[in-house]
Amino acid sequence: MAVYENAVREMAKARTNYLKARSNNADNIDELENKYFEANNSILTIANSCFNSSTTLEFVDTYALSQLAKVDDYSFMGCQNVQISGFSSTSLQYIGDFAFNGCQAMKLASLPKSLMTLGYSAFSRCEGLEELDLSACKSLDQISDYCFSYCKNLKLRGEDLPSGVVT
């Protein structure tokens, strides 16, 4: 529990520092808070249900998260307005069940070569998702059921999948 609490505190601190640095008007900080998430390199996991159903979160900057190994179950589920900068610079190995389910505004995602598992319904109902680059995911060995269900704009071709993937 202490690891989770420290991660949440670190995330909140990073977000607040970002907003303060970019806000000329202190009154706008409350309005902008929770719209942007930027964290430092010490975060290894985005915890279970961490941002689940946030209606205000709009952008997650993952480029500073080179140590990130896990996006846990339900982490961003239902965050309808969120955009993710991509995970290609991370050490991500696992994207959990329902992790991005219902993130309707997400248009593209790049995934790292270290990714091994895409959980059950991980990107399901991401209706805006148009592009998902799996070509670098040489360690990917499992795409769980319904991972991309109801992603009506997503075009995944067989050549985009690494050989040996179990779907």
Foldseek 3Di string as FASTA:
>chain_A
DVLQVVVLVQFQVVQLVVLVVPDPDPVCSVVLPQQETEGAQPDQELDALNQAQPQRHAEYECLRNQNHAEHEHRSHANNQRYEYPECQNHLYAYQEASSQANNQNYAEYEHHLNHAEQYHLRHDNNCNHQYYQQQSNQNHAEYDPNVHHNNVNYDDDPNRHHPNHDD
